[in-house]
Amino acid sequence: MKKVKMVGSAGLALMLALAAPAAELDVSWQTFDCPPMYIAQGAMAGQGFMDRQLRTLIARLPSLRHRIAEMTIARAWYEVEHQEAACLLGVRKTPEREKVALFSRPLSIARGSRLVLPADRLAAAAALLGDDGAVDLDRLATRGDLRGGYIGRRDYGDGVSRFLQDPSRRAPMEVVPNERQLFQLLKARRIDFFFSYPSEIEYSRGADDDFSMLEIHGDQEPVGSYIACSDTPAGRAIMDQINAALADPEIYAALQVPRDSWMRQASLR
């Protein structure tokens, strides 16, 4: 008679676990209203170039379960720091951020930040310019008569970061959650300038042309744009799949199409 080998409940559970397919990973993509990257309002809602890049990437990562949530930039970084699997597409990599998040291979290249001011204040801003014609932030820091603005938790480059963190800075700064509020404050003359990026300035210029932008000394060079994810075991597994996608020449090329298309349209304005 053939002997039947009995398996205990613990052994049966282990066998079932080994036989079961690997669980899918859930990833929460954090987006924020910042045209033309992410557009949350109006007729173009969902058509920002990063909205489109994100949809392209999601289509290339079918083994993940994706969720998209809109919030402020500050909240998005909070989620990346404190959630198991939160990711952000289209952000700058800094040593401070690398302490709390994982970063992908480069996604694209972006131009450096700019200082935005009313067009009728451009002549007066000459006193702020250095020999290279760009804004000298050390000079700006001494101007207690000028009030500026910026988005909380956003990175504008090393020079602007030092300016914002400078304890001796006399120029007061307003912190707001999104780009729309910066433009509203500038138009209402509640601030004299703010920091932004060329693509966002060019997007707004199409509807209103009463402001100018100036290069910032030390931040003129293009910078990399990346994907950031939670620094957790789940975040690392997700990042492995993201990097594998970015390493594929066909996928990488497809991810450049939305941005390149926007830049061509902006150049024709």
C-alpha atoms as a PDB file:
ATOM      1  CA  MET A   1       0.000   0.000   0.000  1.00  0.00           C
ATOM      2  CA  LYS A   2       1.313   3.488  -0.971  1.00  0.00           C
ATOM      3  CA  LYS A   3       1.979   5.707   1.972  1.00  0.00           C
ATOM      4  CA  VAL A   4       0.335   9.130   2.030  1.00  0.00           C
ATOM      5  CA  LYS A   5       2.456  11.902   3.430  1.00  0.00           C
ATOM      6  CA  MET A   6       0.427  14.252   5.645  1.00  0.00           C
ATOM      7  CA  VAL A   7       1.176  17.994   5.607  1.00  0.00           C
ATOM      8  CA  GLY A   8       0.495  20.117   8.649  1.00  0.00           C
ATOM      9  CA  SER A   9      -1.391  23.400   8.488  1.00  0.00           C
ATOM     10  CA  ALA A  10       1.823  25.444   8.716  1.00  0.00           C
ATOM     11  CA  GLY A  11       3.411  23.460   5.890  1.00  0.00           C
ATOM     12  CA  LEU A  12       0.269  23.762   3.754  1.00  0.00           C
ATOM     13  CA  ALA A  13       0.212  27.534   4.226  1.00  0.00           C
ATOM     14  CA  LEU A  14       3.843  27.752   3.147  1.00  0.00           C
ATOM     15  CA  MET A  15       3.194  25.641   0.050  1.00  0.00           C
ATOM     16  CA  LEU A  16       0.228  27.792  -0.947  1.00  0.00           C
ATOM     17  CA  ALA A  17       2.224  30.978  -0.430  1.00  0.00           C
ATOM     18  CA  LEU A  18       5.041  29.704  -2.648  1.00  0.00           C
ATOM     19  CA  ALA A  19       2.593  28.623  -5.345  1.00  0.00           C
ATOM     20  CA  ALA A  20       0.636  31.899  -5.356  1.00  0.00           C
ATOM     21  CA  PRO A  21       1.564  34.586  -7.911  1.00  0.00           C
ATOM     22  CA  ALA A  22       3.418  37.622  -6.599  1.00  0.00           C
ATOM     23  CA  ALA A  23       1.086  40.342  -5.351  1.00  0.00           C
ATOM     24  CA  GLU A  24       0.741  43.390  -7.556  1.00  0.00           C
ATOM     25  CA  LEU A  25       2.253  46.595  -6.276  1.00  0.00           C
ATOM     26  CA  ASP A  26       0.094  49.661  -5.728  1.00  0.00           C
ATOM     27  CA  VAL A  27       1.596  53.042  -6.598  1.00  0.00           C
ATOM     28  CA  SER A  28       0.086  56.455  -5.913  1.00  0.00           C
ATOM     29  CA  TRP A  29       1.150  59.127  -8.406  1.00  0.00           C
ATOM     30  CA  GLN A  30       1.030  62.608  -6.885  1.00  0.00           C
ATOM     31  CA  THR A  31       0.248  65.458  -9.277  1.00  0.00           C
ATOM     32  CA  PHE A  32      -0.189  69.187  -8.680  1.00  0.00           C
ATOM     33  CA  ASP A  33      -1.780  72.057 -10.568  1.00  0.00           C
ATOM     34  CA  CYS A  34       1.174  73.708 -12.319  1.00  0.00           C
ATOM     35  CA  PRO A  35       0.503  74.509 -16.002  1.00  0.00           C
ATOM     36  CA  PRO A  36       1.769  73.578 -18.511  1.00  0.00           C
ATOM     37  CA  MET A  37       3.265  70.590 -16.679  1.00  0.00           C
ATOM     38  CA  TYR A  38       0.120  69.471 -14.893  1.00  0.00           C
ATOM     39  CA  ILE A  39      -3.147  71.219 -15.757  1.00  0.00           C
ATOM     40  CA  ALA A  40      -5.995  70.613 -13.307  1.00  0.00           C
ATOM     41  CA  GLN A  41      -8.501  73.271 -14.374  1.00  0.00           C
ATOM     42  CA  GLY A  42     -10.198  74.592 -17.493  1.00  0.00           C
ATOM     43  CA  ALA A  43     -10.604  73.267 -21.012  1.00  0.00           C
ATOM     44  CA  MET A  44      -7.032  71.860 -21.011  1.00  0.00           C
ATOM     45  CA  ALA A  45      -7.416  69.913 -17.759  1.00  0.00           C
ATOM     46  CA  GLY A  46      -5.385  66.717 -17.904  1.00  0.00           C
ATOM     47  CA  GLN A  47      -3.478  67.851 -21.013  1.00  0.00           C
ATOM     48  CA  GLY A  48      -0.316  69.207 -19.387  1.00  0.00           C
ATOM     49  CA  PHE A  49       2.852  67.707 -20.821  1.00  0.00           C
ATOM     50  CA  MET A  50       3.573  65.890 -17.557  1.00  0.00           C
ATOM     51  CA  ASP A  51      -0.052  64.676 -17.407  1.00  0.00           C
ATOM     52  CA  ARG A  52       0.617  63.113 -20.805  1.00  0.00           C
ATOM     53  CA  GLN A  53       4.061  61.807 -19.813  1.00  0.00           C
ATOM     54  CA  LEU A  54       2.528  60.146 -16.766  1.00  0.00           C
ATOM     55  CA  ARG A  55      -0.169  58.420 -18.825  1.00  0.00           C
ATOM     56  CA  THR A  56       2.512  57.229 -21.266  1.00  0.00           C
ATOM     57  CA  LEU A  57       4.598  55.790 -18.429  1.00  0.00           C
ATOM     58  CA  ILE A  58       1.614  54.145 -16.729  1.00  0.00           C
ATOM     59  CA  ALA A  59       0.746  52.370 -19.992  1.00  0.00           C
ATOM     60  CA  ARG A  60       4.292  50.926 -20.002  1.00  0.00           C
ATOM     61  CA  LEU A  61       4.032  49.628 -16.413  1.00  0.00           C
ATOM     62  CA  PRO A  62       1.094  47.193 -16.623  1.00  0.00           C
ATOM     63  CA  SER A  63       2.178  45.059 -13.657  1.00  0.00           C
ATOM     64  CA  LEU A  64       1.580  47.949 -11.219  1.00  0.00           C
ATOM     65  CA  ARG A  65      -1.781  49.144  -9.918  1.00  0.00           C
ATOM     66  CA  HIS A  66      -1.815  52.909 -10.472  1.00  0.00           C
ATOM     67  CA  ARG A  67      -3.691  55.659  -8.669  1.00  0.00           C
ATOM     68  CA  ILE A  68      -3.422  59.390  -9.499  1.00  0.00           C
ATOM     69  CA  ALA A  69      -4.093  61.998  -6.818  1.00  0.00           C
ATOM     70  CA  GLU A  70      -3.929  65.792  -7.167  1.00  0.00           C
ATOM     71  CA  MET A  71      -2.584  67.887  -4.283  1.00  0.00           C
ATOM     72  CA  THR A  72      -0.178  70.730  -3.534  1.00  0.00           C
ATOM     73  CA  ILE A  73       3.540  70.248  -4.128  1.00  0.00           C
ATOM     74  CA  ALA A  74       4.191  70.419  -0.382  1.00  0.00           C
ATOM     75  CA  ARG A  75       1.604  67.701   0.281  1.00  0.00           C
ATOM     76  CA  ALA A  76       2.979  65.576  -2.553  1.00  0.00           C
ATOM     77  CA  TRP A  77       6.449  65.553  -0.992  1.00  0.00           C
ATOM     78  CA  TYR A  78       4.911  64.773   2.409  1.00  0.00           C
ATOM     79  CA  GLU A  79       3.225  61.722   0.859  1.00  0.00           C
ATOM     80  CA  VAL A  80       6.482  60.569  -0.733  1.00  0.00           C
ATOM     81  CA  GLU A  81       8.221  60.836   2.640  1.00  0.00           C
ATOM     82  CA  HIS A  82       5.504  59.146   4.711  1.00  0.00           C
ATOM     83  CA  GLN A  83       3.651  56.696   2.459  1.00  0.00           C
ATOM     84  CA  GLU A  84       4.730  53.225   1.395  1.00  0.00           C
ATOM     85  CA  ALA A  85       4.523  53.767  -2.365  1.00  0.00           C
ATOM     86  CA  ALA A  86       4.028  57.360  -3.518  1.00  0.00           C
ATOM     87  CA  CYS A  87       5.769  58.753  -6.602  1.00  0.00           C
ATOM     88  CA  LEU A  88       6.245  62.131  -8.309  1.00  0.00           C
ATOM     89  CA  LEU A  89       7.057  62.595 -11.987  1.00  0.00           C
ATOM     90  CA  GLY A  90       9.053  65.612 -13.144  1.00  0.00           C
ATOM     91  CA  VAL A  91      11.041  66.857 -10.143  1.00  0.00           C
ATOM     92  CA  ARG A  92      14.589  68.035  -9.514  1.00  0.00           C
ATOM     93  CA  LYS A  93      17.035  65.890  -7.566  1.00  0.00           C
ATOM     94  CA  THR A  94      18.798  67.547  -4.633  1.00  0.00           C
ATOM     95  CA  PRO A  95      20.937  66.176  -1.778  1.00  0.00           C
ATOM     96  CA  GLU A  96      18.187  67.132   0.694  1.00  0.00           C
ATOM     97  CA  ARG A  97      15.525  65.267  -1.258  1.00  0.00           C
ATOM     98  CA  GLU A  98      17.769  62.222  -1.693  1.00  0.00           C
ATOM     99  CA  LYS A  99      17.618  61.805   2.091  1.00  0.00           C
ATOM    100  CA  VAL A 100      13.885  61.027   1.928  1.00  0.00           C
ATOM    101  CA  ALA A 101      13.224  59.678  -1.574  1.00  0.00           C
ATOM    102  CA  LEU A 102      14.527  57.432  -4.340  1.00  0.00           C
ATOM    103  CA  PHE A 103      15.269  58.974  -7.737  1.00  0.00           C
ATOM    104  CA  SER A 104      15.069  57.483 -11.192  1.00  0.00           C
ATOM    105  CA  ARG A 105      17.338  57.756 -14.178  1.00  0.00           C
ATOM    106  CA  PRO A 106      16.938  61.204 -15.810  1.00  0.00           C
ATOM    107  CA  LEU A 107      13.516  61.681 -17.365  1.00  0.00           C
ATOM    108  CA  SER A 108      14.293  64.842 -19.341  1.00  0.00           C
ATOM    109  CA  ILE A 109      16.225  68.106 -19.273  1.00  0.00           C
ATOM    110  CA  ALA A 110      14.661  71.391 -18.128  1.00  0.00           C
ATOM    111  CA  ARG A 111      15.842  74.980 -18.253  1.00  0.00           C
ATOM    112  CA  GLY A 112      16.870  76.675 -15.014  1.00  0.00           C
ATOM    113  CA  SER A 113      14.611  78.869 -12.878  1.00  0.00           C
ATOM    114  CA  ARG A 114      13.843  82.530 -13.586  1.00  0.00           C
ATOM    115  CA  LEU A 115      12.768  85.621 -11.684  1.00  0.00           C
ATOM    116  CA  VAL A 116       9.375  86.959 -12.835  1.00  0.00           C
ATOM    117  CA  LEU A 117       8.384  90.607 -12.387  1.00  0.00           C
ATOM    118  CA  PRO A 118       5.904  93.112 -13.887  1.00  0.00           C
ATOM    119  CA  ALA A 119       7.039  94.389 -17.280  1.00  0.00           C
ATOM    120  CA  ASP A 120       6.893  97.985 -16.063  1.00  0.00           C
ATOM    121  CA  ARG A 121       9.432  97.158 -13.313  1.00  0.00           C
ATOM    122  CA  LEU A 122      12.031  95.797 -15.719  1.00  0.00           C
ATOM    123  CA  ALA A 123      14.041  99.030 -15.925  1.00  0.00           C
ATOM    124  CA  ALA A 124      14.150  99.345 -12.136  1.00  0.00           C
ATOM    125  CA  ALA A 125      15.449  95.767 -11.901  1.00  0.00           C
ATOM    126  CA  ALA A 126      18.699  96.791 -13.637  1.00  0.00           C
ATOM    127  CA  ALA A 127      20.176  97.490 -10.198  1.00  0.00           C
ATOM    128  CA  LEU A 128      19.811  93.788  -9.381  1.00  0.00           C
ATOM    129  CA  LEU A 129      21.778  92.512 -12.374  1.00  0.00           C
ATOM    130  CA  GLY A 130      25.360  91.318 -12.284  1.00  0.00           C
ATOM    131  CA  ASP A 131      28.015  91.584 -14.988  1.00  0.00           C
ATOM    132  CA  ASP A 132      26.503  88.594 -16.838  1.00  0.00           C
ATOM    133  CA  GLY A 133      23.114  90.296 -17.102  1.00  0.00           C
ATOM    134  CA  ALA A 134      21.486  87.817 -14.711  1.00  0.00           C
ATOM    135  CA  VAL A 135      19.890  88.580 -11.342  1.00  0.00           C
ATOM    136  CA  ASP A 136      22.419  88.685  -8.514  1.00  0.00           C
ATOM    137  CA  LEU A 137      20.567  87.111  -5.583  1.00  0.00           C
ATOM    138  CA  ASP A 138      22.981  88.652  -3.091  1.00  0.00           C
ATOM    139  CA  ARG A 139      21.870  92.084  -4.270  1.00  0.00           C
ATOM    140  CA  LEU A 140      18.228  91.040  -4.172  1.00  0.00           C
ATOM    141  CA  ALA A 141      18.625  89.782  -0.604  1.00  0.00           C
ATOM    142  CA  THR A 142      19.503  93.294   0.591  1.00  0.00           C
ATOM    143  CA  ARG A 143      16.307  94.841  -0.829  1.00  0.00           C
ATOM    144  CA  GLY A 144      13.877  95.074   2.038  1.00  0.00           C
ATOM    145  CA  ASP A 145      11.597  97.178  -0.189  1.00  0.00           C
ATOM    146  CA  LEU A 146      10.905  94.261  -2.540  1.00  0.00           C
ATOM    147  CA  ARG A 147       8.530  91.421  -1.617  1.00  0.00           C
ATOM    148  CA  GLY A 148       8.759  88.105  -3.438  1.00  0.00           C
ATOM    149  CA  GLY A 149       6.908  84.808  -3.661  1.00  0.00           C
ATOM    150  CA  TYR A 150       7.560  81.114  -4.189  1.00  0.00           C
ATOM    151  CA  ILE A 151       5.845  77.730  -3.921  1.00  0.00           C
ATOM    152  CA  GLY A 152       6.438  75.834  -0.689  1.00  0.00           C
ATOM    153  CA  ARG A 153       8.631  72.711  -0.959  1.00  0.00           C
ATOM    154  CA  ARG A 154       9.505  73.445  -4.587  1.00  0.00           C
ATOM    155  CA  ASP A 155      13.149  73.419  -5.656  1.00  0.00           C
ATOM    156  CA  TYR A 156      14.305  76.344  -7.810  1.00  0.00           C
ATOM    157  CA  GLY A 157      18.017  75.523  -7.899  1.00  0.00           C
ATOM    158  CA  ASP A 158      20.945  75.929  -5.528  1.00  0.00           C
ATOM    159  CA  GLY A 159      21.158  79.708  -5.808  1.00  0.00           C
ATOM    160  CA  VAL A 160      17.514  80.332  -5.003  1.00  0.00           C
ATOM    161  CA  SER A 161      17.602  77.746  -2.207  1.00  0.00           C
ATOM    162  CA  ARG A 162      20.504  79.603  -0.561  1.00  0.00           C
ATOM    163  CA  PHE A 163      18.647  82.895  -1.017  1.00  0.00           C
ATOM    164  CA  LEU A 164      15.488  81.541   0.651  1.00  0.00           C
ATOM    165  CA  GLN A 165      17.430  80.021   3.545  1.00  0.00           C
ATOM    166  CA  ASP A 166      19.673  83.045   4.115  1.00  0.00           C
ATOM    167  CA  PRO A 167      18.987  84.300   7.688  1.00  0.00           C
ATOM    168  CA  SER A 168      20.285  87.759   6.764  1.00  0.00           C
ATOM    169  CA  ARG A 169      17.918  88.143   3.785  1.00  0.00           C
ATOM    170  CA  ARG A 170      15.958  91.404   4.065  1.00  0.00           C
ATOM    171  CA  ALA A 171      13.583  90.838   1.129  1.00  0.00           C
ATOM    172  CA  PRO A 172      10.374  89.324   2.572  1.00  0.00           C
ATOM    173  CA  MET A 173       8.945  86.255   0.829  1.00  0.00           C
ATOM    174  CA  GLU A 174       5.362  84.941   0.527  1.00  0.00           C
ATOM    175  CA  VAL A 175       4.890  81.159   0.449  1.00  0.00           C
ATOM    176  CA  VAL A 176       1.951  79.886  -1.646  1.00  0.00           C
ATOM    177  CA  PRO A 177       0.740  76.406  -2.709  1.00  0.00           C
ATOM    178  CA  ASN A 178       0.664  76.838  -6.498  1.00  0.00           C
ATOM    179  CA  GLU A 179       1.740  78.877  -9.526  1.00  0.00           C
ATOM    180  CA  ARG A 180      -1.677  80.425 -10.169  1.00  0.00           C
ATOM    181  CA  GLN A 181      -1.562  82.224  -6.844  1.00  0.00           C
ATOM    182  CA  LEU A 182       1.865  83.663  -7.626  1.00  0.00           C
ATOM    183  CA  PHE A 183       0.566  85.235 -10.829  1.00  0.00           C
ATOM    184  CA  GLN A 184      -2.517  86.545  -9.013  1.00  0.00           C
ATOM    185  CA  LEU A 185      -0.375  88.168  -6.315  1.00  0.00           C
ATOM    186  CA  LEU A 186       1.916  89.722  -8.928  1.00  0.00           C
ATOM    187  CA  LYS A 187      -0.976  91.151 -10.937  1.00  0.00           C
ATOM    188  CA  ALA A 188      -2.522  92.559  -7.760  1.00  0.00           C
ATOM    189  CA  ARG A 189       0.875  94.149  -6.896  1.00  0.00           C
ATOM    190  CA  ARG A 190       0.916  92.326  -3.568  1.00  0.00           C
ATOM    191  CA  ILE A 191       4.362  90.970  -4.474  1.00  0.00           C
ATOM    192  CA  ASP A 192       7.083  92.482  -6.667  1.00  0.00           C
ATOM    193  CA  PHE A 193       8.571  89.263  -8.060  1.00  0.00           C
ATOM    194  CA  PHE A 194       8.480  85.496  -7.810  1.00  0.00           C
ATOM    195  CA  PHE A 195      10.536  82.474  -8.878  1.00  0.00           C
ATOM    196  CA  SER A 196       9.333  80.140 -11.623  1.00  0.00           C
ATOM    197  CA  TYR A 197      10.454  78.132 -14.655  1.00  0.00           C
ATOM    198  CA  PRO A 198      10.405  79.200 -18.334  1.00  0.00           C
ATOM    199  CA  SER A 199       7.769  76.700 -19.476  1.00  0.00           C
ATOM    200  CA  GLU A 200       5.287  77.930 -16.854  1.00  0.00           C
ATOM    201  CA  ILE A 201       5.996  81.573 -17.637  1.00  0.00           C
ATOM    202  CA  GLU A 202       5.572  80.957 -21.371  1.00  0.00           C
ATOM    203  CA  TYR A 203       2.282  79.158 -20.758  1.00  0.00           C
ATOM    204  CA  SER A 204       0.859  82.132 -18.850  1.00  0.00           C
ATOM    205  CA  ARG A 205       2.302  84.616 -21.332  1.00  0.00           C
ATOM    206  CA  GLY A 206      -0.120  83.344 -23.941  1.00  0.00           C
ATOM    207  CA  ALA A 207      -3.032  84.860 -22.007  1.00  0.00           C
ATOM    208  CA  ASP A 208      -1.348  87.867 -20.413  1.00  0.00           C
ATOM    209  CA  ASP A 209       1.813  89.667 -21.516  1.00  0.00           C
ATOM    210  CA  ASP A 210       2.343  92.200 -18.741  1.00  0.00           C
ATOM    211  CA  PHE A 211       5.311  90.508 -17.051  1.00  0.00           C
ATOM    212  CA  SER A 212       8.941  89.699 -17.850  1.00  0.00           C
ATOM    213  CA  MET A 213      11.426  87.053 -16.751  1.00  0.00           C
ATOM    214  CA  LEU A 214      15.107  87.360 -15.943  1.00  0.00           C
ATOM    215  CA  GLU A 215      17.814  84.724 -15.712  1.00  0.00           C
ATOM    216  CA  ILE A 216      19.261  84.064 -12.265  1.00  0.00           C
ATOM    217  CA  HIS A 217      23.034  84.035 -11.817  1.00  0.00           C
ATOM    218  CA  GLY A 218      24.229  80.469 -11.284  1.00  0.00           C
ATOM    219  CA  ASP A 219      20.977  78.860 -12.423  1.00  0.00           C
ATOM    220  CA  GLN A 220      21.149  79.488 -16.173  1.00  0.00           C
ATOM    221  CA  GLU A 221      22.243  75.958 -17.123  1.00  0.00           C
ATOM    222  CA  PRO A 222      19.701  73.200 -17.931  1.00  0.00           C
ATOM    223  CA  VAL A 223      18.955  70.746 -15.134  1.00  0.00           C
ATOM    224  CA  GLY A 224      17.719  67.166 -15.017  1.00  0.00           C
ATOM    225  CA  SER A 225      14.116  66.206 -14.338  1.00  0.00           C
ATOM    226  CA  TYR A 226      13.480  62.913 -12.514  1.00  0.00           C
ATOM    227  CA  ILE A 227      10.867  60.625 -11.001  1.00  0.00           C
ATOM    228  CA  ALA A 228      10.934  60.352  -7.198  1.00  0.00           C
ATOM    229  CA  CYS A 229       9.389  57.553  -5.109  1.00  0.00           C
ATOM    230  CA  SER A 230       9.093  56.620  -1.455  1.00  0.00           C
ATOM    231  CA  ASP A 231      12.312  55.191  -0.021  1.00  0.00           C
ATOM    232  CA  THR A 232      10.702  51.924   1.110  1.00  0.00           C
ATOM    233  CA  PRO A 233      10.872  48.290  -0.051  1.00  0.00           C
ATOM    234  CA  ALA A 234       7.763  48.844  -2.184  1.00  0.00           C
ATOM    235  CA  GLY A 235       9.193  52.116  -3.503  1.00  0.00           C
ATOM    236  CA  ARG A 236      12.423  50.365  -4.500  1.00  0.00           C
ATOM    237  CA  ALA A 237      10.520  47.624  -6.328  1.00  0.00           C
ATOM    238  CA  ILE A 238       8.480  50.247  -8.182  1.00  0.00           C
ATOM    239  CA  MET A 239      11.595  52.270  -9.002  1.00  0.00           C
ATOM    240  CA  ASP A 240      13.250  49.183 -10.486  1.00  0.00           C
ATOM    241  CA  GLN A 241      10.376  48.918 -12.959  1.00  0.00           C
ATOM    242  CA  ILE A 242      10.442  52.657 -13.692  1.00  0.00           C
ATOM    243  CA  ASN A 243      14.171  52.599 -14.406  1.00  0.00           C
ATOM    244  CA  ALA A 244      13.784  49.554 -16.630  1.00  0.00           C
ATOM    245  CA  ALA A 245      11.167  51.477 -18.624  1.00  0.00           C
ATOM    246  CA  LEU A 246      13.352  54.589 -18.876  1.00  0.00           C
ATOM    247  CA  ALA A 247      16.261  52.430 -20.088  1.00  0.00           C
ATOM    248  CA  ASP A 248      14.169  51.258 -23.048  1.00  0.00           C
ATOM    249  CA  PRO A 249      14.975  53.647 -25.965  1.00  0.00           C
ATOM    250  CA  GLU A 250      11.464  53.350 -27.423  1.00  0.00           C
ATOM    251  CA  ILE A 251       9.745  54.169 -24.128  1.00  0.00           C
ATOM    252  CA  TYR A 252      12.182  56.984 -23.350  1.00  0.00           C
ATOM    253  CA  ALA A 253      11.547  58.530 -26.777  1.00  0.00           C
ATOM    254  CA  ALA A 254       7.774  58.297 -26.267  1.00  0.00           C
ATOM    255  CA  LEU A 255       8.115  60.127 -22.938  1.00  0.00           C
ATOM    256  CA  GLN A 256       9.845  63.057 -24.657  1.00  0.00           C
ATOM    257  CA  VAL A 257       7.026  63.618 -27.172  1.00  0.00           C
ATOM    258  CA  PRO A 258       4.624  65.535 -24.866  1.00  0.00           C
ATOM    259  CA  ARG A 259       7.306  67.974 -23.691  1.00  0.00           C
ATOM    260  CA  ASP A 260       8.816  68.450 -27.153  1.00  0.00           C
ATOM    261  CA  SER A 261       5.359  69.090 -28.586  1.00  0.00           C
ATOM    262  CA  TRP A 262       4.657  71.733 -25.961  1.00  0.00           C
ATOM    263  CA  MET A 263       8.013  73.455 -26.549  1.00  0.00           C
ATOM    264  CA  ARG A 264       7.357  73.642 -30.293  1.00  0.00           C
ATOM    265  CA  GLN A 265       3.928  75.202 -29.682  1.00  0.00           C
ATOM    266  CA  ALA A 266       5.389  77.695 -27.184  1.00  0.00           C
ATOM    267  CA  SER A 267       8.076  78.770 -29.672  1.00  0.00           C
ATOM    268  CA  LEU A 268       5.350  79.714 -32.196  1.00  0.00           C
ATOM    269  CA  ARG A 269       3.556  82.094 -29.823  1.00  0.00           C
END
